[in-house]
Amino acid sequence: MISERQAQIIKRLVREYIKTAEPVSSKFLAEKYDFGICPSAIRIEFQILIREGFLEQPHTSAGRIPTDKAYRFFVDGLKEKREEKLEEEIVQILRGMQGKFQMASEIAKFLADNSSSFVNLHFSKEGFDLKEGLDEIFKEPESKDEDFISSFVNFMENFEKNTKNLQTGVYIGEENKIPKSKNITLICSECKLPNQNAFITILGPKRMDYEKNIKLINTLNKVLEELI
């Protein structure tokens, strides 16, 4: 069990790391957020959270970064939010689309552009995949890390043949059932299209914006249920 303060430290640290891709220091958290304690006291909390498996310290003098366990804690604590502006945008994109493949193509482009991630739409009946946003992966800071690029390339070689093993949900790092994916997060969901469902995967670094991307998928599915 962790304390409420420790839970808030995890959530704030995850949000900051998602934004900056830089280790987060105790001094930074103490100055930006009112935890009611000084940086040295936050460092003590850091040590507890490292021991509990939520944080790690990449270098001796660096701040802390979240582990898979911290991302899972963060994702499990997200509350589903309705965003009417996003719903209206999706409705405008899909209105007038003819046929499932045209609609799927627009959906894939929309998700890739808005999630800054790679998007795959899989049609099991046809054995067909629509892909968008591969270039988005190489805009992320992780693309400068040779270990990440190697992991990503190996992952992509295994991805399509393992799509059938995925179910709706969020797979973070080691949770992934696809080989070579320790640095990757997948957000997966069924997608209701005319005459057939497709399977959507948003794929990116573990540091992806979970809150935004989960909201994108959930909002898209709500709109599709109303339109189709």
C-alpha atoms as a PDB file:
ATOM      1  CA  MET A   1       0.000   0.000   0.000  1.00  0.00           C
ATOM      2  CA  ILE A   2       1.153   3.528  -0.744  1.00  0.00           C
ATOM      3  CA  SER A   3       0.007   6.770   0.862  1.00  0.00           C
ATOM      4  CA  GLU A   4      -2.181   9.379  -0.799  1.00  0.00           C
ATOM      5  CA  ARG A   5       0.838  11.686  -1.056  1.00  0.00           C
ATOM      6  CA  GLN A   6       2.886   8.970  -2.741  1.00  0.00           C
ATOM      7  CA  ALA A   7       0.013   8.334  -5.164  1.00  0.00           C
ATOM      8  CA  GLN A   8      -0.043  12.023  -6.067  1.00  0.00           C
ATOM      9  CA  ILE A   9       3.736  12.055  -6.525  1.00  0.00           C
ATOM     10  CA  ILE A  10       3.457   9.138  -8.964  1.00  0.00           C
ATOM     11  CA  LYS A  11       0.687  10.828 -10.962  1.00  0.00           C
ATOM     12  CA  ARG A  12       2.446  14.204 -11.112  1.00  0.00           C
ATOM     13  CA  LEU A  13       5.767  12.620 -12.023  1.00  0.00           C
ATOM     14  CA  VAL A  14       4.200  10.538 -14.807  1.00  0.00           C
ATOM     15  CA  ARG A  15       2.492  13.608 -16.271  1.00  0.00           C
ATOM     16  CA  GLU A  16       5.721  15.617 -16.207  1.00  0.00           C
ATOM     17  CA  TYR A  17       7.768  12.809 -17.738  1.00  0.00           C
ATOM     18  CA  ILE A  18       5.193  12.376 -20.517  1.00  0.00           C
ATOM     19  CA  LYS A  19       5.539  16.078 -21.322  1.00  0.00           C
ATOM     20  CA  THR A  20       9.313  16.446 -21.132  1.00  0.00           C
ATOM     21  CA  ALA A  21      10.877  12.975 -21.593  1.00  0.00           C
ATOM     22  CA  GLU A  22      13.341  14.086 -18.888  1.00  0.00           C
ATOM     23  CA  PRO A  23      13.868  12.614 -15.399  1.00  0.00           C
ATOM     24  CA  VAL A  24      11.862  14.558 -12.803  1.00  0.00           C
ATOM     25  CA  SER A  25      13.643  15.958  -9.757  1.00  0.00           C
ATOM     26  CA  SER A  26      12.368  16.367  -6.205  1.00  0.00           C
ATOM     27  CA  LYS A  27      13.157  20.086  -6.389  1.00  0.00           C
ATOM     28  CA  PHE A  28      11.005  20.487  -9.493  1.00  0.00           C
ATOM     29  CA  LEU A  29       8.030  18.689  -7.932  1.00  0.00           C
ATOM     30  CA  ALA A  30       8.339  20.641  -4.681  1.00  0.00           C
ATOM     31  CA  GLU A  31       8.355  23.961  -6.544  1.00  0.00           C
ATOM     32  CA  LYS A  32       5.543  23.163  -8.990  1.00  0.00           C
ATOM     33  CA  TYR A  33       3.155  21.235  -6.745  1.00  0.00           C
ATOM     34  CA  ASP A  34       2.088  21.860  -3.173  1.00  0.00           C
ATOM     35  CA  PHE A  35       2.872  18.577  -1.440  1.00  0.00           C
ATOM     36  CA  GLY A  36       3.443  20.386   1.823  1.00  0.00           C
ATOM     37  CA  ILE A  37       6.970  18.984   2.160  1.00  0.00           C
ATOM     38  CA  CYS A  38      10.471  20.079   1.122  1.00  0.00           C
ATOM     39  CA  PRO A  39      12.570  18.511  -1.682  1.00  0.00           C
ATOM     40  CA  SER A  40      14.561  16.364   0.770  1.00  0.00           C
ATOM     41  CA  ALA A  41      11.322  14.877   2.114  1.00  0.00           C
ATOM     42  CA  ILE A  42      10.170  14.184  -1.459  1.00  0.00           C
ATOM     43  CA  ARG A  43      13.475  12.376  -2.057  1.00  0.00           C
ATOM     44  CA  ILE A  44      12.636  10.111   0.882  1.00  0.00           C
ATOM     45  CA  GLU A  45       9.265   9.385  -0.784  1.00  0.00           C
ATOM     46  CA  PHE A  46      11.157   8.711  -4.025  1.00  0.00           C
ATOM     47  CA  GLN A  47      13.258   6.067  -2.266  1.00  0.00           C
ATOM     48  CA  ILE A  48      10.129   4.352  -0.967  1.00  0.00           C
ATOM     49  CA  LEU A  49       8.557   4.419  -4.440  1.00  0.00           C
ATOM     50  CA  ILE A  50      11.750   3.015  -5.975  1.00  0.00           C
ATOM     51  CA  ARG A  51      11.672   0.212  -3.426  1.00  0.00           C
ATOM     52  CA  GLU A  52       7.999  -0.440  -4.270  1.00  0.00           C
ATOM     53  CA  GLY A  53       8.806  -0.612  -7.991  1.00  0.00           C
ATOM     54  CA  PHE A  54       7.068   2.588  -9.161  1.00  0.00           C
ATOM     55  CA  LEU A  55      10.124   4.720  -9.971  1.00  0.00           C
ATOM     56  CA  GLU A  56      13.685   4.285 -11.130  1.00  0.00           C
ATOM     57  CA  GLN A  57      16.738   6.531 -11.282  1.00  0.00           C
ATOM     58  CA  PRO A  58      18.552   6.303 -14.624  1.00  0.00           C
ATOM     59  CA  HIS A  59      21.719   7.998 -13.288  1.00  0.00           C
ATOM     60  CA  THR A  60      23.021   8.732  -9.804  1.00  0.00           C
ATOM     61  CA  SER A  61      22.615  12.495 -10.142  1.00  0.00           C
ATOM     62  CA  ALA A  62      19.411  12.388 -12.201  1.00  0.00           C
ATOM     63  CA  GLY A  63      15.780  12.745 -11.230  1.00  0.00           C
ATOM     64  CA  ARG A  64      13.363   9.819 -11.380  1.00  0.00           C
ATOM     65  CA  ILE A  65      11.387   8.244 -14.192  1.00  0.00           C
ATOM     66  CA  PRO A  66       8.276   6.058 -14.050  1.00  0.00           C
ATOM     67  CA  THR A  67       8.385   2.268 -14.387  1.00  0.00           C
ATOM     68  CA  ASP A  68       5.755   0.098 -16.099  1.00  0.00           C
ATOM     69  CA  LYS A  69       4.118  -0.229 -12.679  1.00  0.00           C
ATOM     70  CA  ALA A  70       3.820   3.564 -12.367  1.00  0.00           C
ATOM     71  CA  TYR A  71       2.287   3.898 -15.842  1.00  0.00           C
ATOM     72  CA  ARG A  72      -0.197   1.128 -14.968  1.00  0.00           C
ATOM     73  CA  PHE A  73      -1.097   2.904 -11.721  1.00  0.00           C
ATOM     74  CA  PHE A  74      -1.585   6.144 -13.663  1.00  0.00           C
ATOM     75  CA  VAL A  75      -3.721   4.541 -16.395  1.00  0.00           C
ATOM     76  CA  ASP A  76      -5.899   2.650 -13.904  1.00  0.00           C
ATOM     77  CA  GLY A  77      -6.609   5.937 -12.116  1.00  0.00           C
ATOM     78  CA  LEU A  78      -7.779   7.824 -15.217  1.00  0.00           C
ATOM     79  CA  LYS A  79     -11.431   8.809 -15.283  1.00  0.00           C
ATOM     80  CA  GLU A  80     -13.372   8.669 -18.518  1.00  0.00           C
ATOM     81  CA  LYS A  81     -14.165  12.197 -19.706  1.00  0.00           C
ATOM     82  CA  ARG A  82     -16.593  13.302 -22.378  1.00  0.00           C
ATOM     83  CA  GLU A  83     -15.296  15.991 -24.736  1.00  0.00           C
ATOM     84  CA  GLU A  84     -17.978  17.432 -26.988  1.00  0.00           C
ATOM     85  CA  LYS A  85     -15.531  19.376 -29.166  1.00  0.00           C
ATOM     86  CA  LEU A  86     -13.650  16.172 -29.987  1.00  0.00           C
ATOM     87  CA  GLU A  87     -16.918  14.342 -30.695  1.00  0.00           C
ATOM     88  CA  GLU A  88     -17.999  17.097 -33.091  1.00  0.00           C
ATOM     89  CA  GLU A  89     -14.655  16.962 -34.891  1.00  0.00           C
ATOM     90  CA  ILE A  90     -14.941  13.193 -35.403  1.00  0.00           C
ATOM     91  CA  VAL A  91     -18.552  13.517 -36.619  1.00  0.00           C
ATOM     92  CA  GLN A  92     -17.482  16.108 -39.210  1.00  0.00           C
ATOM     93  CA  ILE A  93     -14.691  13.854 -40.466  1.00  0.00           C
ATOM     94  CA  LEU A  94     -16.880  10.763 -40.781  1.00  0.00           C
ATOM     95  CA  ARG A  95     -20.056  12.346 -42.099  1.00  0.00           C
ATOM     96  CA  GLY A  96     -20.466  11.545 -45.767  1.00  0.00           C
ATOM     97  CA  MET A  97     -17.812   8.824 -45.825  1.00  0.00           C
ATOM     98  CA  GLN A  98     -18.785   6.020 -48.204  1.00  0.00           C
ATOM     99  CA  GLY A  99     -17.929   2.453 -47.250  1.00  0.00           C
ATOM    100  CA  LYS A 100     -15.908   0.941 -44.450  1.00  0.00           C
ATOM    101  CA  PHE A 101     -12.481   1.302 -46.074  1.00  0.00           C
ATOM    102  CA  GLN A 102     -12.836   5.025 -46.752  1.00  0.00           C
ATOM    103  CA  MET A 103     -14.134   5.494 -43.224  1.00  0.00           C
ATOM    104  CA  ALA A 104     -11.315   3.353 -41.797  1.00  0.00           C
ATOM    105  CA  SER A 105      -8.707   5.339 -43.723  1.00  0.00           C
ATOM    106  CA  GLU A 106     -10.010   8.636 -42.321  1.00  0.00           C
ATOM    107  CA  ILE A 107     -10.159   7.162 -38.808  1.00  0.00           C
ATOM    108  CA  ALA A 108      -6.559   5.934 -39.027  1.00  0.00           C
ATOM    109  CA  LYS A 109      -5.307   9.327 -40.238  1.00  0.00           C
ATOM    110  CA  PHE A 110      -7.260  11.179 -37.555  1.00  0.00           C
ATOM    111  CA  LEU A 111      -5.963   8.955 -34.752  1.00  0.00           C
ATOM    112  CA  ALA A 112      -2.351   9.089 -35.986  1.00  0.00           C
ATOM    113  CA  ASP A 113      -2.401  12.888 -36.299  1.00  0.00           C
ATOM    114  CA  ASN A 114      -4.007  13.440 -32.901  1.00  0.00           C
ATOM    115  CA  SER A 115      -2.155  10.798 -30.916  1.00  0.00           C
ATOM    116  CA  SER A 116       1.311  11.420 -32.432  1.00  0.00           C
ATOM    117  CA  SER A 117       1.527   7.639 -32.672  1.00  0.00           C
ATOM    118  CA  PHE A 118       1.489   4.792 -35.170  1.00  0.00           C
ATOM    119  CA  VAL A 119      -2.039   3.467 -35.836  1.00  0.00           C
ATOM    120  CA  ASN A 120      -3.035   0.093 -37.236  1.00  0.00           C
ATOM    121  CA  LEU A 121      -6.581  -0.925 -38.242  1.00  0.00           C
ATOM    122  CA  HIS A 122      -6.944  -4.667 -38.731  1.00  0.00           C
ATOM    123  CA  PHE A 123      -9.783  -6.349 -40.652  1.00  0.00           C
ATOM    124  CA  SER A 124      -9.740 -10.015 -39.677  1.00  0.00           C
ATOM    125  CA  LYS A 125     -12.146 -11.184 -42.421  1.00  0.00           C
ATOM    126  CA  GLU A 126      -9.970  -9.789 -45.196  1.00  0.00           C
ATOM    127  CA  GLY A 127      -6.657 -10.250 -43.396  1.00  0.00           C
ATOM    128  CA  PHE A 128      -6.074  -6.593 -44.264  1.00  0.00           C
ATOM    129  CA  ASP A 129      -4.316  -3.854 -42.282  1.00  0.00           C
ATOM    130  CA  LEU A 130      -4.479  -0.072 -42.681  1.00  0.00           C
ATOM    131  CA  LYS A 131      -1.480   1.811 -41.277  1.00  0.00           C
ATOM    132  CA  GLU A 132      -0.886   5.482 -40.543  1.00  0.00           C
ATOM    133  CA  GLY A 133       1.603   7.565 -38.585  1.00  0.00           C
ATOM    134  CA  LEU A 134       4.828   5.576 -38.787  1.00  0.00           C
ATOM    135  CA  ASP A 135       6.667   8.890 -39.167  1.00  0.00           C
ATOM    136  CA  GLU A 136       5.145  10.075 -35.872  1.00  0.00           C
ATOM    137  CA  ILE A 137       7.231   7.527 -33.961  1.00  0.00           C
ATOM    138  CA  PHE A 138      10.438   9.040 -35.323  1.00  0.00           C
ATOM    139  CA  LYS A 139       9.471  12.529 -34.131  1.00  0.00           C
ATOM    140  CA  GLU A 140       9.557  11.389 -30.496  1.00  0.00           C
ATOM    141  CA  PRO A 141      12.669  11.868 -28.314  1.00  0.00           C
ATOM    142  CA  GLU A 142      12.890   8.074 -27.971  1.00  0.00           C
ATOM    143  CA  SER A 143      13.848   7.860 -31.661  1.00  0.00           C
ATOM    144  CA  LYS A 144      17.342   9.081 -30.675  1.00  0.00           C
ATOM    145  CA  ASP A 145      17.775   5.991 -28.506  1.00  0.00           C
ATOM    146  CA  GLU A 146      19.273   3.099 -30.472  1.00  0.00           C
ATOM    147  CA  ASP A 147      17.835   0.567 -28.028  1.00  0.00           C
ATOM    148  CA  PHE A 148      14.318   1.913 -28.590  1.00  0.00           C
ATOM    149  CA  ILE A 149      14.658   1.931 -32.402  1.00  0.00           C
ATOM    150  CA  SER A 150      16.017  -1.614 -32.401  1.00  0.00           C
ATOM    151  CA  SER A 151      13.182  -2.720 -30.131  1.00  0.00           C
ATOM    152  CA  PHE A 152      10.609  -0.955 -32.290  1.00  0.00           C
ATOM    153  CA  VAL A 153      11.890  -2.470 -35.566  1.00  0.00           C
ATOM    154  CA  ASN A 154      11.915  -5.970 -34.054  1.00  0.00           C
ATOM    155  CA  PHE A 155       8.463  -5.378 -32.617  1.00  0.00           C
ATOM    156  CA  MET A 156       7.013  -4.359 -35.981  1.00  0.00           C
ATOM    157  CA  GLU A 157       8.309  -7.581 -37.524  1.00  0.00           C
ATOM    158  CA  ASN A 158       6.200  -9.522 -35.017  1.00  0.00           C
ATOM    159  CA  PHE A 159       3.190  -7.217 -34.809  1.00  0.00           C
ATOM    160  CA  GLU A 160       0.871  -8.267 -37.643  1.00  0.00           C
ATOM    161  CA  LYS A 161       1.168 -12.008 -37.075  1.00  0.00           C
ATOM    162  CA  ASN A 162       0.333 -11.495 -33.386  1.00  0.00           C
ATOM    163  CA  THR A 163      -2.621  -9.115 -33.786  1.00  0.00           C
ATOM    164  CA  LYS A 164      -5.042 -11.984 -33.185  1.00  0.00           C
ATOM    165  CA  ASN A 165      -3.599 -12.408 -29.676  1.00  0.00           C
ATOM    166  CA  LEU A 166      -4.576  -8.874 -28.648  1.00  0.00           C
ATOM    167  CA  GLN A 167      -7.770  -7.846 -26.904  1.00  0.00           C
ATOM    168  CA  THR A 168      -9.266  -4.466 -26.015  1.00  0.00           C
ATOM    169  CA  GLY A 169      -7.106  -2.787 -23.390  1.00  0.00           C
ATOM    170  CA  VAL A 170      -3.863  -0.958 -22.663  1.00  0.00           C
ATOM    171  CA  TYR A 171      -0.643  -2.991 -22.816  1.00  0.00           C
ATOM    172  CA  ILE A 172       2.356  -1.282 -21.225  1.00  0.00           C
ATOM    173  CA  GLY A 173       5.917  -2.482 -21.837  1.00  0.00           C
ATOM    174  CA  GLU A 174       6.375  -5.943 -20.360  1.00  0.00           C
ATOM    175  CA  GLU A 175       2.591  -6.464 -20.325  1.00  0.00           C
ATOM    176  CA  ASN A 176       2.652  -6.792 -24.116  1.00  0.00           C
ATOM    177  CA  LYS A 177       2.004 -10.264 -25.511  1.00  0.00           C
ATOM    178  CA  ILE A 178       3.993  -9.450 -28.639  1.00  0.00           C
ATOM    179  CA  PRO A 179       7.754 -10.192 -28.537  1.00  0.00           C
ATOM    180  CA  LYS A 180      10.355  -7.385 -28.515  1.00  0.00           C
ATOM    181  CA  SER A 181       7.989  -4.802 -27.022  1.00  0.00           C
ATOM    182  CA  LYS A 182       9.424  -3.859 -23.615  1.00  0.00           C
ATOM    183  CA  ASN A 183       9.674  -0.172 -24.671  1.00  0.00           C
ATOM    184  CA  ILE A 184       6.275  -0.046 -26.387  1.00  0.00           C
ATOM    185  CA  THR A 185       2.709   0.687 -25.295  1.00  0.00           C
ATOM    186  CA  LEU A 186      -0.349  -0.505 -27.218  1.00  0.00           C
ATOM    187  CA  ILE A 187      -3.858   0.873 -26.798  1.00  0.00           C
ATOM    188  CA  CYS A 188      -6.255  -1.583 -28.446  1.00  0.00           C
ATOM    189  CA  SER A 189      -9.974  -1.503 -29.145  1.00  0.00           C
ATOM    190  CA  GLU A 190     -12.669  -3.007 -31.329  1.00  0.00           C
ATOM    191  CA  CYS A 191     -14.081  -0.444 -33.761  1.00  0.00           C
ATOM    192  CA  LYS A 192     -17.617  -0.664 -35.203  1.00  0.00           C
ATOM    193  CA  LEU A 193     -17.620   0.074 -38.954  1.00  0.00           C
ATOM    194  CA  PRO A 194     -20.319  -0.489 -41.610  1.00  0.00           C
ATOM    195  CA  ASN A 195     -20.968  -4.253 -42.019  1.00  0.00           C
ATOM    196  CA  GLN A 196     -17.878  -5.265 -40.069  1.00  0.00           C
ATOM    197  CA  ASN A 197     -15.793  -4.471 -37.020  1.00  0.00           C
ATOM    198  CA  ALA A 198     -12.120  -3.563 -37.211  1.00  0.00           C
ATOM    199  CA  PHE A 199      -9.473  -3.764 -34.505  1.00  0.00           C
ATOM    200  CA  ILE A 200      -7.628  -0.525 -33.725  1.00  0.00           C
ATOM    201  CA  THR A 201      -4.159  -0.341 -32.208  1.00  0.00           C
ATOM    202  CA  ILE A 202      -2.475   2.918 -31.195  1.00  0.00           C
ATOM    203  CA  LEU A 203       1.215   2.139 -30.785  1.00  0.00           C
ATOM    204  CA  GLY A 204       3.979   4.304 -29.374  1.00  0.00           C
ATOM    205  CA  PRO A 205       6.658   4.730 -26.692  1.00  0.00           C
ATOM    206  CA  LYS A 206       5.685   3.944 -23.102  1.00  0.00           C
ATOM    207  CA  ARG A 207       5.868   7.705 -22.522  1.00  0.00           C
ATOM    208  CA  MET A 208       2.841   8.305 -24.776  1.00  0.00           C
ATOM    209  CA  ASP A 209       0.046  10.620 -23.624  1.00  0.00           C
ATOM    210  CA  TYR A 210      -2.261   7.955 -22.165  1.00  0.00           C
ATOM    211  CA  GLU A 211      -4.994  10.330 -21.103  1.00  0.00           C
ATOM    212  CA  LYS A 212      -5.321  11.894 -24.552  1.00  0.00           C
ATOM    213  CA  ASN A 213      -5.024   8.651 -26.509  1.00  0.00           C
ATOM    214  CA  ILE A 214      -7.487   6.681 -24.395  1.00  0.00           C
ATOM    215  CA  LYS A 215      -9.907   9.595 -24.707  1.00  0.00           C
ATOM    216  CA  LEU A 216      -9.468   9.539 -28.503  1.00  0.00           C
ATOM    217  CA  ILE A 217     -10.346   5.842 -28.724  1.00  0.00           C
ATOM    218  CA  ASN A 218     -13.300   6.085 -26.327  1.00  0.00           C
ATOM    219  CA  THR A 219     -14.732   9.159 -28.038  1.00  0.00           C
ATOM    220  CA  LEU A 220     -14.342   7.607 -31.491  1.00  0.00           C
ATOM    221  CA  ASN A 221     -16.215   4.485 -30.389  1.00  0.00           C
ATOM    222  CA  LYS A 222     -19.059   6.539 -28.909  1.00  0.00           C
ATOM    223  CA  VAL A 223     -19.432   8.513 -32.141  1.00  0.00           C
ATOM    224  CA  LEU A 224     -19.346   5.372 -34.301  1.00  0.00           C
ATOM    225  CA  GLU A 225     -22.014   3.691 -32.161  1.00  0.00           C
ATOM    226  CA  GLU A 226     -24.296   6.692 -32.717  1.00  0.00           C
ATOM    227  CA  LEU A 227     -23.577   7.050 -36.450  1.00  0.00           C
ATOM    228  CA  ILE A 228     -23.756   3.414 -37.546  1.00  0.00           C
END
